[in-house]
Amino acid sequence: MTDIFRFYGLDWLAILLSALAVLLLGGKNKWGFIAFIGANFTWIGLGILVLHSPAIVLGNILFLITNSRGFLKWNSAELSR
């Protein structure tokens, strides 16, 4: 059996944060973007420190920008109502 905590549980944390984010956003809760941002930072850390994967780092930097933009735009949409 492989060690399910081979990556210090950070991969599990990132997946749990991503799942939470999907649930929150599906329920029209803007805090899902914050959960996704947490997942992005976790994946970036994993990509740099453990996996040494430029693709994971670059992809999650792009997702981080997208999620940050989504959170900010959601707030500006609330203010304009």
PDB file of N, CA and C in Angstrom:
ATOM      1  N   MET A   1       0.840  -1.182   0.000  1.00  0.00           N
ATOM      2  CA  MET A   1       0.000   0.000   0.000  1.00  0.00           C
ATOM      3  C   MET A   1       0.885   1.245   0.000  1.00  0.00           C
ATOM      4  N   THR A   2       0.483   2.227  -0.771  1.00  0.00           N
ATOM      5  CA  THR A   2       1.248   3.462  -0.794  1.00  0.00           C
ATOM      6  C   THR A   2       0.867   4.334   0.389  1.00  0.00           C
ATOM      7  N   ASP A   3       1.775   5.186   0.753  1.00  0.00           N
ATOM      8  CA  ASP A   3       1.555   6.107   1.866  1.00  0.00           C
ATOM      9  C   ASP A   3       0.621   7.231   1.410  1.00  0.00           C
ATOM     10  N   ILE A   4      -0.588   7.296   1.969  1.00  0.00           N
ATOM     11  CA  ILE A   4      -1.542   8.319   1.522  1.00  0.00           C
ATOM     12  C   ILE A   4      -1.155   9.722   1.990  1.00  0.00           C
ATOM     13  N   PHE A   5      -0.200   9.820   2.889  1.00  0.00           N
ATOM     14  CA  PHE A   5       0.290  11.120   3.332  1.00  0.00           C
ATOM     15  C   PHE A   5       1.711  11.390   2.831  1.00  0.00           C
ATOM     16  N   ARG A   6       2.004  10.836   1.661  1.00  0.00           N
ATOM     17  CA  ARG A   6       3.326  10.975   1.061  1.00  0.00           C
ATOM     18  C   ARG A   6       3.703  12.446   0.860  1.00  0.00           C
ATOM     19  N   PHE A   7       2.710  13.277   0.603  1.00  0.00           N
ATOM     20  CA  PHE A   7       2.968  14.698   0.383  1.00  0.00           C
ATOM     21  C   PHE A   7       2.553  15.526   1.599  1.00  0.00           C
ATOM     22  N   TYR A   8       2.716  14.927   2.782  1.00  0.00           N
ATOM     23  CA  TYR A   8       2.493  15.587   4.066  1.00  0.00           C
ATOM     24  C   TYR A   8       1.046  16.012   4.279  1.00  0.00           C
ATOM     25  N   GLY A   9       0.122  15.413   3.538  1.00  0.00           N
ATOM     26  CA  GLY A   9      -1.289  15.752   3.663  1.00  0.00           C
ATOM     27  C   GLY A   9      -1.686  17.030   2.948  1.00  0.00           C
ATOM     28  N   LEU A  10      -0.707  17.698   2.335  1.00  0.00           N
ATOM     29  CA  LEU A  10      -1.024  18.952   1.641  1.00  0.00           C
ATOM     30  C   LEU A  10      -1.908  18.721   0.424  1.00  0.00           C
ATOM     31  N   ASP A  11      -1.715  17.596  -0.259  1.00  0.00           N
ATOM     32  CA  ASP A  11      -2.568  17.289  -1.404  1.00  0.00           C
ATOM     33  C   ASP A  11      -4.014  17.077  -0.955  1.00  0.00           C
ATOM     34  N   TRP A  12      -4.182  16.441   0.201  1.00  0.00           N
ATOM     35  CA  TRP A  12      -5.516  16.233   0.743  1.00  0.00           C
ATOM     36  C   TRP A  12      -6.155  17.566   1.133  1.00  0.00           C
ATOM     37  N   LEU A  13      -5.364  18.445   1.738  1.00  0.00           N
ATOM     38  CA  LEU A  13      -5.865  19.765   2.112  1.00  0.00           C
ATOM     39  C   LEU A  13      -6.321  20.534   0.872  1.00  0.00           C
ATOM     40  N   ALA A  14      -5.525  20.497  -0.175  1.00  0.00           N
ATOM     41  CA  ALA A  14      -5.871  21.210  -1.406  1.00  0.00           C
ATOM     42  C   ALA A  14      -7.159  20.664  -2.015  1.00  0.00           C
ATOM     43  N   ILE A  15      -7.305  19.353  -2.027  1.00  0.00           N
ATOM     44  CA  ILE A  15      -8.520  18.742  -2.575  1.00  0.00           C
ATOM     45  C   ILE A  15      -9.731  19.085  -1.714  1.00  0.00           C
ATOM     46  N   LEU A  16      -9.581  19.037  -0.394  1.00  0.00           N
ATOM     47  CA  LEU A  16     -10.699  19.374   0.490  1.00  0.00           C
ATOM     48  C   LEU A  16     -11.120  20.836   0.333  1.00  0.00           C
ATOM     49  N   LEU A  17     -10.149  21.726   0.219  1.00  0.00           N
ATOM     50  CA  LEU A  17     -10.472  23.134   0.001  1.00  0.00           C
ATOM     51  C   LEU A  17     -11.161  23.339  -1.347  1.00  0.00           C
ATOM     52  N   SER A  18     -10.711  22.617  -2.370  1.00  0.00           N
ATOM     53  CA  SER A  18     -11.336  22.714  -3.695  1.00  0.00           C
ATOM     54  C   SER A  18     -12.775  22.214  -3.653  1.00  0.00           C
ATOM     55  N   ALA A  19     -13.001  21.096  -2.972  1.00  0.00           N
ATOM     56  CA  ALA A  19     -14.355  20.546  -2.859  1.00  0.00           C
ATOM     57  C   ALA A  19     -15.263  21.504  -2.081  1.00  0.00           C
ATOM     58  N   LEU A  20     -14.745  22.070  -0.997  1.00  0.00           N
ATOM     59  CA  LEU A  20     -15.507  23.046  -0.227  1.00  0.00           C
ATOM     60  C   LEU A  20     -15.856  24.250  -1.097  1.00  0.00           C
ATOM     61  N   ALA A  21     -14.900  24.705  -1.885  1.00  0.00           N
ATOM     62  CA  ALA A  21     -15.125  25.854  -2.759  1.00  0.00           C
ATOM     63  C   ALA A  21     -16.234  25.574  -3.766  1.00  0.00           C
ATOM     64  N   VAL A  22     -16.214  24.401  -4.368  1.00  0.00           N
ATOM     65  CA  VAL A  22     -17.254  24.043  -5.339  1.00  0.00           C
ATOM     66  C   VAL A  22     -18.626  24.028  -4.657  1.00  0.00           C
ATOM     67  N   LEU A  23     -18.688  23.461  -3.458  1.00  0.00           N
ATOM     68  CA  LEU A  23     -19.953  23.440  -2.723  1.00  0.00           C
ATOM     69  C   LEU A  23     -20.441  24.849  -2.397  1.00  0.00           C
ATOM     70  N   LEU A  24     -19.541  25.702  -1.937  1.00  0.00           N
ATOM     71  CA  LEU A  24     -19.931  27.067  -1.593  1.00  0.00           C
ATOM     72  C   LEU A  24     -20.373  27.858  -2.818  1.00  0.00           C
ATOM     73  N   LEU A  25     -19.609  27.778  -3.884  1.00  0.00           N
ATOM     74  CA  LEU A  25     -19.972  28.517  -5.091  1.00  0.00           C
ATOM     75  C   LEU A  25     -21.255  27.976  -5.708  1.00  0.00           C
ATOM     76  N   GLY A  26     -21.440  26.666  -5.619  1.00  0.00           N
ATOM     77  CA  GLY A  26     -22.685  26.072  -6.105  1.00  0.00           C
ATOM     78  C   GLY A  26     -23.889  26.570  -5.325  1.00  0.00           C
ATOM     79  N   GLY A  27     -23.665  26.927  -4.072  1.00  0.00           N
ATOM     80  CA  GLY A  27     -24.708  27.503  -3.233  1.00  0.00           C
ATOM     81  C   GLY A  27     -24.747  29.018  -3.303  1.00  0.00           C
ATOM     82  N   LYS A  28     -24.065  29.589  -4.284  1.00  0.00           N
ATOM     83  CA  LYS A  28     -24.012  31.042  -4.515  1.00  0.00           C
ATOM     84  C   LYS A  28     -23.445  31.797  -3.314  1.00  0.00           C
ATOM     85  N   ASN A  29     -22.383  31.232  -2.739  1.00  0.00           N
ATOM     86  CA  ASN A  29     -21.703  31.848  -1.607  1.00  0.00           C
ATOM     87  C   ASN A  29     -20.317  32.284  -2.079  1.00  0.00           C
ATOM     88  N   LYS A  30     -20.061  33.588  -2.015  1.00  0.00           N
ATOM     89  CA  LYS A  30     -18.805  34.138  -2.533  1.00  0.00           C
ATOM     90  C   LYS A  30     -17.566  33.631  -1.803  1.00  0.00           C
ATOM     91  N   TRP A  31     -17.732  33.093  -0.586  1.00  0.00           N
ATOM     92  CA  TRP A  31     -16.580  32.608   0.170  1.00  0.00           C
ATOM     93  C   TRP A  31     -15.967  31.368  -0.463  1.00  0.00           C
ATOM     94  N   GLY A  32     -16.648  30.802  -1.444  1.00  0.00           N
ATOM     95  CA  GLY A  32     -16.065  29.710  -2.216  1.00  0.00           C
ATOM     96  C   GLY A  32     -14.795  30.149  -2.935  1.00  0.00           C
ATOM     97  N   PHE A  33     -14.760  31.411  -3.360  1.00  0.00           N
ATOM     98  CA  PHE A  33     -13.549  31.920  -4.000  1.00  0.00           C
ATOM     99  C   PHE A  33     -12.376  31.930  -3.021  1.00  0.00           C
ATOM    100  N   ILE A  34     -12.654  32.250  -1.755  1.00  0.00           N
ATOM    101  CA  ILE A  34     -11.591  32.259  -0.742  1.00  0.00           C
ATOM    102  C   ILE A  34     -11.088  30.835  -0.499  1.00  0.00           C
ATOM    103  N   ALA A  35     -12.000  29.871  -0.479  1.00  0.00           N
ATOM    104  CA  ALA A  35     -11.587  28.470  -0.324  1.00  0.00           C
ATOM    105  C   ALA A  35     -10.719  28.044  -1.506  1.00  0.00           C
ATOM    106  N   PHE A  36     -11.117  28.460  -2.719  1.00  0.00           N
ATOM    107  CA  PHE A  36     -10.307  28.138  -3.893  1.00  0.00           C
ATOM    108  C   PHE A  36      -8.937  28.814  -3.820  1.00  0.00           C
ATOM    109  N   ILE A  37      -8.885  30.031  -3.324  1.00  0.00           N
ATOM    110  CA  ILE A  37      -7.607  30.737  -3.176  1.00  0.00           C
ATOM    111  C   ILE A  37      -6.704  29.975  -2.199  1.00  0.00           C
ATOM    112  N   GLY A  38      -7.280  29.481  -1.113  1.00  0.00           N
ATOM    113  CA  GLY A  38      -6.507  28.651  -0.181  1.00  0.00           C
ATOM    114  C   GLY A  38      -5.987  27.398  -0.852  1.00  0.00           C
ATOM    115  N   ALA A  39      -6.822  26.768  -1.664  1.00  0.00           N
ATOM    116  CA  ALA A  39      -6.396  25.576  -2.405  1.00  0.00           C
ATOM    117  C   ALA A  39      -5.283  25.930  -3.386  1.00  0.00           C
ATOM    118  N   ASN A  40      -5.414  27.075  -4.062  1.00  0.00           N
ATOM    119  CA  ASN A  40      -4.384  27.496  -5.004  1.00  0.00           C
ATOM    120  C   ASN A  40      -3.037  27.675  -4.318  1.00  0.00           C
ATOM    121  N   PHE A  41      -3.031  28.352  -3.173  1.00  0.00           N
ATOM    122  CA  PHE A  41      -1.775  28.533  -2.439  1.00  0.00           C
ATOM    123  C   PHE A  41      -1.192  27.190  -1.996  1.00  0.00           C
ATOM    124  N   THR A  42      -2.071  26.277  -1.601  1.00  0.00           N
ATOM    125  CA  THR A  42      -1.598  24.952  -1.184  1.00  0.00           C
ATOM    126  C   THR A  42      -0.965  24.214  -2.359  1.00  0.00           C
ATOM    127  N   TRP A  43      -1.637  24.242  -3.520  1.00  0.00           N
ATOM    128  CA  TRP A  43      -1.077  23.582  -4.707  1.00  0.00           C
ATOM    129  C   TRP A  43       0.225  24.243  -5.154  1.00  0.00           C
ATOM    130  N   ILE A  44       0.291  25.563  -5.070  1.00  0.00           N
ATOM    131  CA  ILE A  44       1.531  26.254  -5.445  1.00  0.00           C
ATOM    132  C   ILE A  44       2.670  25.814  -4.519  1.00  0.00           C
ATOM    133  N   GLY A  45       2.405  25.764  -3.223  1.00  0.00           N
ATOM    134  CA  GLY A  45       3.414  25.300  -2.273  1.00  0.00           C
ATOM    135  C   GLY A  45       3.857  23.882  -2.571  1.00  0.00           C
ATOM    136  N   LEU A  46       2.907  23.006  -2.851  1.00  0.00           N
ATOM    137  CA  LEU A  46       3.241  21.627  -3.208  1.00  0.00           C
ATOM    138  C   LEU A  46       4.079  21.580  -4.477  1.00  0.00           C
ATOM    139  N   GLY A  47       3.665  22.355  -5.467  1.00  0.00           N
ATOM    140  CA  GLY A  47       4.377  22.356  -6.745  1.00  0.00           C
ATOM    141  C   GLY A  47       5.813  22.828  -6.625  1.00  0.00           C
ATOM    142  N   ILE A  48       6.034  23.796  -5.746  1.00  0.00           N
ATOM    143  CA  ILE A  48       7.388  24.337  -5.576  1.00  0.00           C
ATOM    144  C   ILE A  48       8.229  23.455  -4.655  1.00  0.00           C
ATOM    145  N   LEU A  49       7.708  23.179  -3.460  1.00  0.00           N
ATOM    146  CA  LEU A  49       8.512  22.552  -2.413  1.00  0.00           C
ATOM    147  C   LEU A  49       8.616  21.029  -2.501  1.00  0.00           C
ATOM    148  N   VAL A  50       7.564  20.367  -2.975  1.00  0.00           N
ATOM    149  CA  VAL A  50       7.534  18.914  -2.914  1.00  0.00           C
ATOM    150  C   VAL A  50       7.595  18.271  -4.291  1.00  0.00           C
ATOM    151  N   LEU A  51       6.740  18.718  -5.197  1.00  0.00           N
ATOM    152  CA  LEU A  51       6.618  18.057  -6.494  1.00  0.00           C
ATOM    153  C   LEU A  51       7.567  18.605  -7.558  1.00  0.00           C
ATOM    154  N   HIS A  52       8.046  19.822  -7.354  1.00  0.00           N
ATOM    155  CA  HIS A  52       8.950  20.478  -8.315  1.00  0.00           C
ATOM    156  C   HIS A  52       8.323  20.494  -9.707  1.00  0.00           C
ATOM    157  N   SER A  53       7.067  20.945  -9.767  1.00  0.00           N
ATOM    158  CA  SER A  53       6.306  20.936 -11.009  1.00  0.00           C
ATOM    159  C   SER A  53       5.950  22.354 -11.445  1.00  0.00           C
ATOM    160  N   PRO A  54       6.632  22.862 -12.461  1.00  0.00           N
ATOM    161  CA  PRO A  54       6.293  24.198 -12.964  1.00  0.00           C
ATOM    162  C   PRO A  54       4.854  24.282 -13.481  1.00  0.00           C
ATOM    163  N   ALA A  55       4.326  23.192 -14.029  1.00  0.00           N
ATOM    164  CA  ALA A  55       2.963  23.204 -14.563  1.00  0.00           C
ATOM    165  C   ALA A  55       1.941  23.418 -13.450  1.00  0.00           C
ATOM    166  N   ILE A  56       2.119  22.744 -12.333  1.00  0.00           N
ATOM    167  CA  ILE A  56       1.200  22.926 -11.201  1.00  0.00           C
ATOM    168  C   ILE A  56       1.296  24.349 -10.674  1.00  0.00           C
ATOM    169  N   VAL A  57       2.494  24.870 -10.578  1.00  0.00           N
ATOM    170  CA  VAL A  57       2.688  26.234 -10.072  1.00  0.00           C
ATOM    171  C   VAL A  57       2.051  27.246 -11.012  1.00  0.00           C
ATOM    172  N   LEU A  58       2.371  27.166 -12.300  1.00  0.00           N
ATOM    173  CA  LEU A  58       1.835  28.129 -13.263  1.00  0.00           C
ATOM    174  C   LEU A  58       0.318  28.033 -13.344  1.00  0.00           C
ATOM    175  N   GLY A  59      -0.205  26.826 -13.437  1.00  0.00           N
ATOM    176  CA  GLY A  59      -1.654  26.657 -13.515  1.00  0.00           C
ATOM    177  C   GLY A  59      -2.358  27.259 -12.319  1.00  0.00           C
ATOM    178  N   ASN A  60      -1.830  27.039 -11.140  1.00  0.00           N
ATOM    179  CA  ASN A  60      -2.490  27.553  -9.943  1.00  0.00           C
ATOM    180  C   ASN A  60      -2.279  29.039  -9.732  1.00  0.00           C
ATOM    181  N   ILE A  61      -1.221  29.595 -10.280  1.00  0.00           N
ATOM    182  CA  ILE A  61      -1.090  31.061 -10.266  1.00  0.00           C
ATOM    183  C   ILE A  61      -2.187  31.670 -11.137  1.00  0.00           C
ATOM    184  N   LEU A  62      -2.438  31.056 -12.299  1.00  0.00           N
ATOM    185  CA  LEU A  62      -3.516  31.541 -13.169  1.00  0.00           C
ATOM    186  C   LEU A  62      -4.881  31.380 -12.492  1.00  0.00           C
ATOM    187  N   PHE A  63      -5.106  30.230 -11.839  1.00  0.00           N
ATOM    188  CA  PHE A  63      -6.355  30.020 -11.116  1.00  0.00           C
ATOM    189  C   PHE A  63      -6.487  30.998  -9.953  1.00  0.00           C
ATOM    190  N   LEU A  64      -5.375  31.296  -9.285  1.00  0.00           N
ATOM    191  CA  LEU A  64      -5.378  32.247  -8.174  1.00  0.00           C
ATOM    192  C   LEU A  64      -5.826  33.627  -8.649  1.00  0.00           C
ATOM    193  N   ILE A  65      -5.316  34.041  -9.792  1.00  0.00           N
ATOM    194  CA  ILE A  65      -5.726  35.334 -10.362  1.00  0.00           C
ATOM    195  C   ILE A  65      -7.213  35.320 -10.688  1.00  0.00           C
ATOM    196  N   THR A  66      -7.671  34.241 -11.307  1.00  0.00           N
ATOM    197  CA  THR A  66      -9.080  34.119 -11.671  1.00  0.00           C
ATOM    198  C   THR A  66      -9.979  34.120 -10.442  1.00  0.00           C
ATOM    199  N   ASN A  67      -9.596  33.378  -9.411  1.00  0.00           N
ATOM    200  CA  ASN A  67     -10.409  33.322  -8.194  1.00  0.00           C
ATOM    201  C   ASN A  67     -10.411  34.650  -7.458  1.00  0.00           C
ATOM    202  N   SER A  68      -9.276  35.328  -7.429  1.00  0.00           N
ATOM    203  CA  SER A  68      -9.210  36.650  -6.790  1.00  0.00           C
ATOM    204  C   SER A  68     -10.116  37.631  -7.523  1.00  0.00           C
ATOM    205  N   ARG A  69     -10.052  37.589  -8.840  1.00  0.00           N
ATOM    206  CA  ARG A  69     -10.903  38.464  -9.655  1.00  0.00           C
ATOM    207  C   ARG A  69     -12.385  38.160  -9.398  1.00  0.00           C
ATOM    208  N   GLY A  70     -12.730  36.891  -9.343  1.00  0.00           N
ATOM    209  CA  GLY A  70     -14.115  36.509  -9.084  1.00  0.00           C
ATOM    210  C   GLY A  70     -14.616  37.032  -7.748  1.00  0.00           C
ATOM    211  N   PHE A  71     -13.789  36.914  -6.717  1.00  0.00           N
ATOM    212  CA  PHE A  71     -14.173  37.409  -5.392  1.00  0.00           C
ATOM    213  C   PHE A  71     -14.371  38.921  -5.420  1.00  0.00           C
ATOM    214  N   LEU A  72     -13.429  39.638  -6.046  1.00  0.00           N
ATOM    215  CA  LEU A  72     -13.525  41.101  -6.097  1.00  0.00           C
ATOM    216  C   LEU A  72     -14.723  41.554  -6.923  1.00  0.00           C
ATOM    217  N   LYS A  73     -14.972  40.905  -8.041  1.00  0.00           N
ATOM    218  CA  LYS A  73     -16.102  41.289  -8.883  1.00  0.00           C
ATOM    219  C   LYS A  73     -17.431  40.980  -8.187  1.00  0.00           C
ATOM    220  N   TRP A  74     -17.472  39.900  -7.425  1.00  0.00           N
ATOM    221  CA  TRP A  74     -18.690  39.567  -6.680  1.00  0.00           C
ATOM    222  C   TRP A  74     -18.997  40.693  -5.693  1.00  0.00           C
ATOM    223  N   ASN A  75     -17.961  41.171  -5.007  1.00  0.00           N
ATOM    224  CA  ASN A  75     -18.152  42.267  -4.056  1.00  0.00           C
ATOM    225  C   ASN A  75     -18.616  43.529  -4.753  1.00  0.00           C
ATOM    226  N   SER A  76     -18.047  43.852  -5.910  1.00  0.00           N
ATOM    227  CA  SER A  76     -18.449  45.069  -6.617  1.00  0.00           C
ATOM    228  C   SER A  76     -19.866  44.922  -7.158  1.00  0.00           C
ATOM    229  N   ALA A  77     -20.286  43.707  -7.519  1.00  0.00           N
ATOM    230  CA  ALA A  77     -21.652  43.487  -7.989  1.00  0.00           C
ATOM    231  C   ALA A  77     -22.644  43.696  -6.848  1.00  0.00           C
ATOM    232  N   GLU A  78     -22.269  43.300  -5.620  1.00  0.00           N
ATOM    233  CA  GLU A  78     -23.133  43.517  -4.455  1.00  0.00           C
ATOM    234  C   GLU A  78     -23.289  44.989  -4.148  1.00  0.00           C
ATOM    235  N   LEU A  79     -22.219  45.765  -4.328  1.00  0.00           N
ATOM    236  CA  LEU A  79     -22.262  47.195  -4.027  1.00  0.00           C
ATOM    237  C   LEU A  79     -23.128  47.948  -5.023  1.00  0.00           C
ATOM    238  N   SER A  80     -23.177  47.454  -6.263  1.00  0.00           N
ATOM    239  CA  SER A  80     -23.926  48.181  -7.280  1.00  0.00           C
ATOM    240  C   SER A  80     -25.423  47.883  -7.238  1.00  0.00           C
ATOM    241  N   ARG A  81     -25.845  46.955  -6.374  1.00  0.00           N
ATOM    242  CA  ARG A  81     -27.285  46.638  -6.273  1.00  0.00           C
ATOM    243  C   ARG A  81     -28.020  47.669  -5.483  1.00  0.00           C
TER     244      ARG A  81
END
